[in-house]
N, C-alpha and C. Protein backbone atom coordinates (compact mmCIF):
# COMPACT_ATOMS: atom_id res chain seq x y z
N MET A 1 6.22 58.43 154.09
CA MET A 1 6.44 59.86 154.03
C MET A 1 7.55 60.13 153.00
N ARG A 2 7.30 61.08 152.14
CA ARG A 2 8.26 61.41 151.09
C ARG A 2 8.85 62.79 151.35
N VAL A 3 10.17 62.87 151.57
CA VAL A 3 10.87 64.13 151.78
C VAL A 3 11.78 64.36 150.60
N GLU A 4 11.69 65.55 150.03
CA GLU A 4 12.49 65.90 148.86
C GLU A 4 13.24 67.20 149.10
N VAL A 5 14.38 67.33 148.44
CA VAL A 5 15.09 68.60 148.37
C VAL A 5 15.05 69.03 146.92
N LEU A 6 14.51 70.21 146.70
CA LEU A 6 14.33 70.74 145.35
C LEU A 6 14.96 72.13 145.25
N PRO A 7 15.34 72.55 144.05
CA PRO A 7 15.76 73.95 143.91
C PRO A 7 14.59 74.84 144.35
N ALA A 8 14.86 75.84 145.17
CA ALA A 8 13.79 76.72 145.65
C ALA A 8 13.26 77.57 144.50
N THR A 9 11.95 77.68 144.46
CA THR A 9 11.28 78.49 143.45
C THR A 9 10.58 79.67 144.13
N GLY A 10 10.03 80.55 143.33
CA GLY A 10 9.24 81.65 143.88
C GLY A 10 8.06 81.14 144.69
N PHE A 11 7.49 80.02 144.28
CA PHE A 11 6.38 79.43 145.03
C PHE A 11 6.84 79.05 146.43
N HIS A 12 7.98 78.33 146.53
CA HIS A 12 8.49 77.92 147.83
C HIS A 12 8.76 79.14 148.72
N ALA A 13 9.39 80.15 148.13
CA ALA A 13 9.72 81.36 148.89
C ALA A 13 8.46 82.03 149.43
N ALA A 14 7.46 82.18 148.59
CA ALA A 14 6.21 82.82 149.02
C ALA A 14 5.50 81.97 150.07
N TYR A 15 5.52 80.66 149.89
CA TYR A 15 4.89 79.76 150.84
C TYR A 15 5.52 79.89 152.22
N VAL A 16 6.85 79.86 152.27
CA VAL A 16 7.56 79.96 153.54
C VAL A 16 7.33 81.33 154.17
N ALA A 17 7.41 82.38 153.38
CA ALA A 17 7.20 83.73 153.92
C ALA A 17 5.81 83.88 154.53
N SER A 18 4.81 83.26 153.92
CA SER A 18 3.44 83.41 154.41
C SER A 18 3.12 82.49 155.59
N ARG A 19 3.98 81.49 155.82
CA ARG A 19 3.72 80.51 156.89
C ARG A 19 4.92 80.34 157.82
N MET A 20 5.80 81.32 157.86
CA MET A 20 7.00 81.23 158.68
C MET A 20 6.64 81.08 160.15
N ARG A 21 7.35 80.18 160.83
CA ARG A 21 7.11 79.97 162.25
C ARG A 21 7.32 81.28 163.03
N GLU A 22 6.53 81.46 164.07
CA GLU A 22 6.56 82.71 164.83
C GLU A 22 7.94 83.01 165.40
N ALA A 23 8.63 82.01 165.92
CA ALA A 23 9.95 82.25 166.51
C ALA A 23 10.93 82.77 165.47
N GLU A 24 10.80 82.34 164.23
CA GLU A 24 11.67 82.84 163.17
C GLU A 24 11.27 84.24 162.74
N GLN A 25 9.98 84.53 162.78
CA GLN A 25 9.56 85.90 162.49
C GLN A 25 10.16 86.86 163.52
N VAL A 26 10.13 86.45 164.79
CA VAL A 26 10.73 87.27 165.85
C VAL A 26 12.23 87.41 165.62
N GLU A 27 12.87 86.33 165.23
CA GLU A 27 14.32 86.34 165.01
C GLU A 27 14.73 87.27 163.88
N VAL A 28 14.06 87.19 162.73
CA VAL A 28 14.46 88.03 161.60
C VAL A 28 14.15 89.50 161.88
N TRP A 29 13.11 89.76 162.67
CA TRP A 29 12.81 91.15 163.05
C TRP A 29 13.89 91.67 164.02
N ALA A 30 14.24 90.86 165.01
CA ALA A 30 15.23 91.28 166.00
C ALA A 30 16.61 91.49 165.35
N GLY A 31 16.93 90.69 164.37
CA GLY A 31 18.24 90.77 163.75
C GLY A 31 18.39 91.93 162.78
N SER A 32 17.34 92.20 162.02
CA SER A 32 17.48 93.19 160.94
C SER A 32 16.23 93.99 160.63
N HIS A 33 15.18 93.80 161.42
CA HIS A 33 13.89 94.42 161.15
C HIS A 33 13.34 94.01 159.79
N PHE A 34 13.59 92.75 159.42
CA PHE A 34 13.04 92.20 158.19
C PHE A 34 11.68 91.58 158.47
N SER A 35 10.78 91.76 157.53
CA SER A 35 9.52 91.00 157.52
C SER A 35 9.85 89.60 157.01
N PRO A 36 8.93 88.64 157.16
CA PRO A 36 9.19 87.32 156.58
C PRO A 36 9.50 87.39 155.08
N ASP A 37 8.74 88.20 154.33
CA ASP A 37 9.01 88.33 152.89
C ASP A 37 10.42 88.84 152.63
N SER A 38 10.83 89.87 153.36
CA SER A 38 12.17 90.45 153.18
C SER A 38 13.26 89.46 153.57
N ALA A 39 13.04 88.72 154.64
CA ALA A 39 14.04 87.74 155.09
C ALA A 39 14.25 86.66 154.04
N VAL A 40 13.16 86.16 153.50
CA VAL A 40 13.26 85.12 152.46
C VAL A 40 13.95 85.69 151.23
N GLU A 41 13.50 86.85 150.79
CA GLU A 41 14.07 87.47 149.58
C GLU A 41 15.57 87.72 149.74
N ASP A 42 15.96 88.29 150.87
CA ASP A 42 17.37 88.61 151.10
C ASP A 42 18.22 87.34 151.15
N SER A 43 17.74 86.32 151.84
CA SER A 43 18.50 85.07 151.96
C SER A 43 18.70 84.40 150.60
N VAL A 44 17.64 84.33 149.82
CA VAL A 44 17.72 83.70 148.50
C VAL A 44 18.62 84.51 147.57
N ARG A 45 18.47 85.83 147.59
CA ARG A 45 19.23 86.71 146.69
C ARG A 45 20.73 86.60 146.94
N HIS A 46 21.15 86.41 148.18
CA HIS A 46 22.58 86.40 148.50
C HIS A 46 23.19 85.00 148.56
N SER A 47 22.49 84.01 148.10
CA SER A 47 23.00 82.64 148.10
C SER A 47 23.13 82.13 146.67
N PRO A 48 24.24 81.48 146.36
CA PRO A 48 24.40 80.94 145.00
C PRO A 48 23.30 79.93 144.66
N GLN A 49 22.86 79.18 145.67
CA GLN A 49 21.79 78.21 145.48
C GLN A 49 20.88 78.25 146.71
N ALA A 50 19.60 78.12 146.46
CA ALA A 50 18.64 77.98 147.55
C ALA A 50 17.81 76.73 147.26
N PHE A 51 17.48 76.03 148.32
CA PHE A 51 16.76 74.77 148.19
C PHE A 51 15.49 74.80 149.02
N ALA A 52 14.54 73.96 148.62
CA ALA A 52 13.30 73.79 149.38
C ALA A 52 13.27 72.37 149.91
N ALA A 53 12.89 72.23 151.17
CA ALA A 53 12.65 70.92 151.77
C ALA A 53 11.14 70.71 151.75
N VAL A 54 10.72 69.65 151.10
CA VAL A 54 9.29 69.39 150.89
C VAL A 54 8.96 67.99 151.41
N VAL A 55 7.91 67.91 152.24
CA VAL A 55 7.46 66.63 152.76
C VAL A 55 6.01 66.42 152.33
N ASN A 56 5.76 65.31 151.69
CA ASN A 56 4.41 64.99 151.21
C ASN A 56 3.78 66.16 150.47
N GLY A 57 4.58 66.86 149.68
CA GLY A 57 4.09 67.97 148.88
C GLY A 57 4.01 69.31 149.59
N ALA A 58 4.23 69.35 150.91
CA ALA A 58 4.17 70.61 151.66
C ALA A 58 5.59 71.10 151.96
N THR A 59 5.81 72.38 151.77
CA THR A 59 7.14 72.95 151.99
C THR A 59 7.42 73.10 153.48
N MET A 60 8.50 72.45 153.92
CA MET A 60 8.95 72.56 155.31
C MET A 60 9.75 73.85 155.51
N GLY A 61 10.52 74.21 154.50
CA GLY A 61 11.35 75.40 154.61
C GLY A 61 12.23 75.56 153.39
N ILE A 62 12.95 76.66 153.39
CA ILE A 62 13.96 76.89 152.36
C ILE A 62 15.27 77.17 153.07
N PHE A 63 16.37 76.87 152.38
CA PHE A 63 17.68 76.99 153.02
C PHE A 63 18.77 77.14 151.97
N GLY A 64 19.93 77.53 152.44
CA GLY A 64 21.10 77.65 151.58
C GLY A 64 22.28 78.09 152.42
N VAL A 65 23.35 78.47 151.73
CA VAL A 65 24.54 79.01 152.38
C VAL A 65 24.90 80.30 151.68
N ARG A 66 25.04 81.33 152.47
CA ARG A 66 25.42 82.65 151.97
C ARG A 66 26.94 82.77 152.11
N PRO A 67 27.67 82.98 151.01
CA PRO A 67 29.12 83.06 151.11
C PRO A 67 29.58 84.32 151.85
N VAL A 68 30.55 84.13 152.73
CA VAL A 68 31.22 85.27 153.37
C VAL A 68 32.57 85.45 152.70
N SER A 69 33.30 84.34 152.55
CA SER A 69 34.61 84.37 151.91
C SER A 69 34.86 83.05 151.21
N HIS A 70 34.91 83.10 149.88
CA HIS A 70 35.25 81.88 149.13
C HIS A 70 36.70 81.51 149.40
N LEU A 71 37.55 82.52 149.49
CA LEU A 71 38.98 82.30 149.72
C LEU A 71 39.24 81.58 151.04
N LEU A 72 38.54 82.01 152.10
CA LEU A 72 38.73 81.41 153.41
C LEU A 72 37.77 80.26 153.69
N GLY A 73 36.82 80.03 152.80
CA GLY A 73 35.88 78.93 152.97
C GLY A 73 34.88 79.14 154.09
N VAL A 74 34.38 80.39 154.21
CA VAL A 74 33.43 80.72 155.26
C VAL A 74 32.05 80.97 154.64
N GLY A 75 31.06 80.28 155.16
CA GLY A 75 29.70 80.45 154.68
C GLY A 75 28.71 80.57 155.83
N ILE A 76 27.61 81.23 155.55
CA ILE A 76 26.54 81.41 156.54
C ILE A 76 25.37 80.52 156.13
N PRO A 77 25.18 79.40 156.84
CA PRO A 77 24.01 78.58 156.53
C PRO A 77 22.76 79.26 157.07
N TRP A 78 21.71 79.23 156.30
CA TRP A 78 20.46 79.84 156.75
C TRP A 78 19.32 78.87 156.45
N LEU A 79 18.27 79.03 157.22
CA LEU A 79 17.11 78.16 157.11
C LEU A 79 15.90 78.93 157.62
N LEU A 80 14.86 78.96 156.82
CA LEU A 80 13.60 79.59 157.21
C LEU A 80 12.51 78.54 157.02
N THR A 81 11.73 78.30 158.07
CA THR A 81 10.83 77.15 158.06
C THR A 81 9.37 77.50 158.33
N THR A 82 8.54 76.51 158.02
CA THR A 82 7.10 76.58 158.30
C THR A 82 6.79 75.57 159.42
N GLY A 83 5.54 75.52 159.82
CA GLY A 83 5.10 74.58 160.84
C GLY A 83 5.23 73.12 160.44
N GLU A 84 5.48 72.84 159.17
CA GLU A 84 5.69 71.46 158.73
C GLU A 84 6.88 70.84 159.46
N VAL A 85 7.86 71.66 159.83
CA VAL A 85 9.02 71.17 160.58
C VAL A 85 8.58 70.59 161.92
N ASP A 86 7.63 71.27 162.57
CA ASP A 86 7.14 70.79 163.86
C ASP A 86 6.31 69.51 163.72
N ARG A 87 5.67 69.32 162.57
CA ARG A 87 4.87 68.13 162.34
C ARG A 87 5.73 66.91 161.95
N HIS A 88 6.93 67.18 161.44
CA HIS A 88 7.81 66.10 160.97
C HIS A 88 9.24 66.33 161.46
N PRO A 89 9.44 66.44 162.77
CA PRO A 89 10.78 66.80 163.27
C PRO A 89 11.87 65.77 162.96
N ARG A 90 11.55 64.50 163.04
CA ARG A 90 12.57 63.47 162.76
C ARG A 90 12.98 63.47 161.30
N ALA A 91 12.00 63.58 160.42
CA ALA A 91 12.30 63.63 158.99
C ALA A 91 13.15 64.87 158.68
N PHE A 92 12.83 65.96 159.34
CA PHE A 92 13.58 67.20 159.12
C PHE A 92 15.02 67.05 159.60
N LEU A 93 15.22 66.49 160.77
CA LEU A 93 16.57 66.31 161.30
C LEU A 93 17.37 65.36 160.40
N ARG A 94 16.75 64.26 159.96
CA ARG A 94 17.42 63.33 159.04
C ARG A 94 17.86 64.05 157.77
N LEU A 95 16.97 64.86 157.23
CA LEU A 95 17.27 65.60 156.01
C LEU A 95 18.45 66.54 156.23
N CYS A 96 18.44 67.26 157.34
CA CYS A 96 19.55 68.17 157.64
C CYS A 96 20.86 67.42 157.75
N ARG A 97 20.83 66.27 158.38
CA ARG A 97 22.06 65.47 158.53
C ARG A 97 22.56 64.94 157.18
N GLN A 98 21.66 64.73 156.23
CA GLN A 98 22.06 64.29 154.90
C GLN A 98 22.67 65.43 154.09
N ILE A 99 22.15 66.62 154.28
CA ILE A 99 22.58 67.78 153.49
C ILE A 99 23.87 68.41 154.02
N LEU A 100 24.04 68.39 155.30
CA LEU A 100 25.15 69.08 155.94
C LEU A 100 26.53 68.68 155.41
N PRO A 101 26.82 67.41 155.15
CA PRO A 101 28.16 67.07 154.63
C PRO A 101 28.50 67.78 153.32
N GLY A 102 27.53 67.98 152.46
CA GLY A 102 27.78 68.71 151.21
C GLY A 102 28.15 70.16 151.46
N PHE A 103 27.48 70.77 152.42
CA PHE A 103 27.83 72.15 152.78
C PHE A 103 29.22 72.21 153.40
N ARG A 104 29.53 71.25 154.26
CA ARG A 104 30.83 71.23 154.94
C ARG A 104 31.97 71.00 153.95
N ALA A 105 31.72 70.25 152.90
CA ALA A 105 32.76 70.01 151.90
C ALA A 105 33.14 71.30 151.18
N ARG A 106 32.17 72.15 150.99
CA ARG A 106 32.43 73.42 150.28
C ARG A 106 32.84 74.53 151.22
N TRP A 107 32.34 74.51 152.44
CA TRP A 107 32.58 75.59 153.41
C TRP A 107 33.19 75.00 154.67
N PRO A 108 34.52 75.08 154.82
CA PRO A 108 35.17 74.54 156.03
C PRO A 108 34.69 75.19 157.33
N LEU A 109 34.19 76.41 157.24
CA LEU A 109 33.62 77.06 158.42
C LEU A 109 32.21 77.54 158.09
N LEU A 110 31.24 76.97 158.78
CA LEU A 110 29.85 77.42 158.69
C LEU A 110 29.54 78.16 159.98
N MET A 111 29.02 79.38 159.88
CA MET A 111 28.70 80.13 161.08
C MET A 111 27.49 81.03 160.85
N ASN A 112 26.74 81.24 161.92
CA ASN A 112 25.59 82.13 161.87
C ASN A 112 25.25 82.51 163.31
N PHE A 113 24.14 83.23 163.47
CA PHE A 113 23.66 83.64 164.78
C PHE A 113 22.20 83.27 164.90
N ILE A 114 21.81 82.77 166.06
CA ILE A 114 20.42 82.39 166.33
C ILE A 114 19.92 83.24 167.48
N HIS A 115 18.73 83.78 167.33
CA HIS A 115 18.11 84.55 168.41
C HIS A 115 18.07 83.67 169.66
N ALA A 116 18.56 84.22 170.77
CA ALA A 116 18.70 83.42 171.99
C ALA A 116 17.38 82.83 172.46
N ARG A 117 16.26 83.50 172.16
CA ARG A 117 14.96 82.98 172.60
C ARG A 117 14.41 81.89 171.68
N HIS A 118 15.07 81.66 170.55
CA HIS A 118 14.62 80.63 169.60
C HIS A 118 15.25 79.29 170.01
N VAL A 119 14.77 78.77 171.14
CA VAL A 119 15.39 77.60 171.77
C VAL A 119 15.34 76.36 170.88
N ARG A 120 14.31 76.20 170.09
CA ARG A 120 14.24 75.03 169.20
C ARG A 120 15.34 75.08 168.15
N SER A 121 15.60 76.26 167.64
CA SER A 121 16.64 76.41 166.64
C SER A 121 18.02 76.18 167.25
N VAL A 122 18.22 76.66 168.47
CA VAL A 122 19.49 76.43 169.17
C VAL A 122 19.68 74.92 169.38
N ALA A 123 18.65 74.23 169.84
CA ALA A 123 18.73 72.78 170.06
C ALA A 123 19.00 72.05 168.75
N TRP A 124 18.37 72.49 167.67
CA TRP A 124 18.59 71.89 166.34
C TRP A 124 20.05 72.02 165.95
N ALA A 125 20.64 73.20 166.13
CA ALA A 125 22.05 73.42 165.78
C ALA A 125 22.96 72.51 166.61
N GLU A 126 22.66 72.38 167.88
CA GLU A 126 23.46 71.50 168.74
C GLU A 126 23.37 70.04 168.28
N ARG A 127 22.18 69.60 167.93
CA ARG A 127 22.01 68.20 167.48
C ARG A 127 22.74 67.93 166.17
N LEU A 128 22.94 68.98 165.37
CA LEU A 128 23.67 68.83 164.11
C LEU A 128 25.18 68.94 164.29
N GLY A 129 25.61 69.22 165.52
CA GLY A 129 27.04 69.27 165.79
C GLY A 129 27.66 70.65 165.83
N PHE A 130 26.85 71.69 165.71
CA PHE A 130 27.38 73.05 165.79
C PHE A 130 27.82 73.36 167.22
N THR A 131 28.88 74.12 167.36
CA THR A 131 29.25 74.70 168.65
C THR A 131 28.35 75.91 168.84
N VAL A 132 27.71 75.99 170.00
CA VAL A 132 26.80 77.10 170.30
C VAL A 132 27.43 77.93 171.41
N PHE A 133 27.60 79.22 171.14
CA PHE A 133 28.26 80.12 172.08
C PHE A 133 27.24 80.82 172.97
N ASP A 134 27.74 81.42 174.03
CA ASP A 134 26.89 82.16 174.96
C ASP A 134 26.21 83.33 174.26
N PRO A 135 25.04 83.72 174.73
CA PRO A 135 24.33 84.85 174.13
C PRO A 135 25.12 86.15 174.26
N ALA A 136 24.97 86.99 173.24
CA ALA A 136 25.58 88.31 173.24
C ALA A 136 24.68 89.25 172.44
N PRO A 137 24.66 90.53 172.79
CA PRO A 137 23.82 91.49 172.07
C PRO A 137 24.24 91.61 170.60
N LEU A 138 23.25 91.66 169.73
CA LEU A 138 23.49 91.75 168.30
C LEU A 138 22.22 92.25 167.63
N GLY A 139 22.30 92.65 166.41
CA GLY A 139 21.13 93.02 165.63
C GLY A 139 20.70 94.45 165.87
N VAL A 140 19.67 94.82 165.18
CA VAL A 140 19.17 96.18 165.17
C VAL A 140 18.84 96.69 166.57
N ASP A 141 18.20 95.85 167.37
CA ASP A 141 17.77 96.28 168.70
C ASP A 141 18.68 95.79 169.83
N GLY A 142 19.81 95.18 169.48
CA GLY A 142 20.74 94.72 170.49
C GLY A 142 20.23 93.57 171.34
N GLU A 143 19.33 92.76 170.80
CA GLU A 143 18.84 91.60 171.54
C GLU A 143 19.90 90.50 171.54
N ASP A 144 19.77 89.55 172.46
CA ASP A 144 20.75 88.48 172.56
C ASP A 144 20.59 87.46 171.44
N PHE A 145 21.72 87.14 170.84
CA PHE A 145 21.84 86.09 169.83
C PHE A 145 22.98 85.17 170.25
N ARG A 146 22.89 83.92 169.76
CA ARG A 146 23.94 82.94 170.05
C ARG A 146 24.65 82.60 168.75
N LYS A 147 25.95 82.79 168.74
CA LYS A 147 26.74 82.41 167.57
C LYS A 147 26.80 80.89 167.50
N ILE A 148 26.69 80.36 166.28
CA ILE A 148 26.88 78.92 166.06
C ILE A 148 27.99 78.75 165.03
N GLU A 149 28.77 77.70 165.21
CA GLU A 149 29.90 77.43 164.32
C GLU A 149 30.05 75.94 164.11
N LEU A 150 30.40 75.59 162.89
CA LEU A 150 30.74 74.20 162.59
C LEU A 150 31.97 74.23 161.69
N ARG A 151 33.05 73.64 162.18
CA ARG A 151 34.32 73.60 161.44
C ARG A 151 34.61 72.17 160.97
N THR A 152 35.23 72.08 159.80
CA THR A 152 35.63 70.75 159.32
C THR A 152 37.03 70.42 159.78
């Protein structure tokens, strides 16, 4: 199995938007009333770099870090995925563990929010070492989200 990290292109963005996992579609709608296309576009536009995770030629997802404060070293890691993640969960977790140190070197505090019902994403964050907080209302409709944080 060949897993690659590539600079995200318009192809990767369109692929992920058209095949985004249902739980992530629910999450981006609950958070901001974004469609998959809007979520991908907004995430890529506000990140200095966006990357694609590709396994055997199929895009697993796109990801990056959205800066909150360069001065304070705070960034928002984001990830939008396709069903390829479910087909290759170990390869995906290995890849995340390889990439995370580079993000941590640049951003001493990584933080974001995960829709409380997106249990796979919450478990993924925990396995990567993020602190996961109790659910609290957030987003356009006030649904429960869980804050995640990783400090160096």
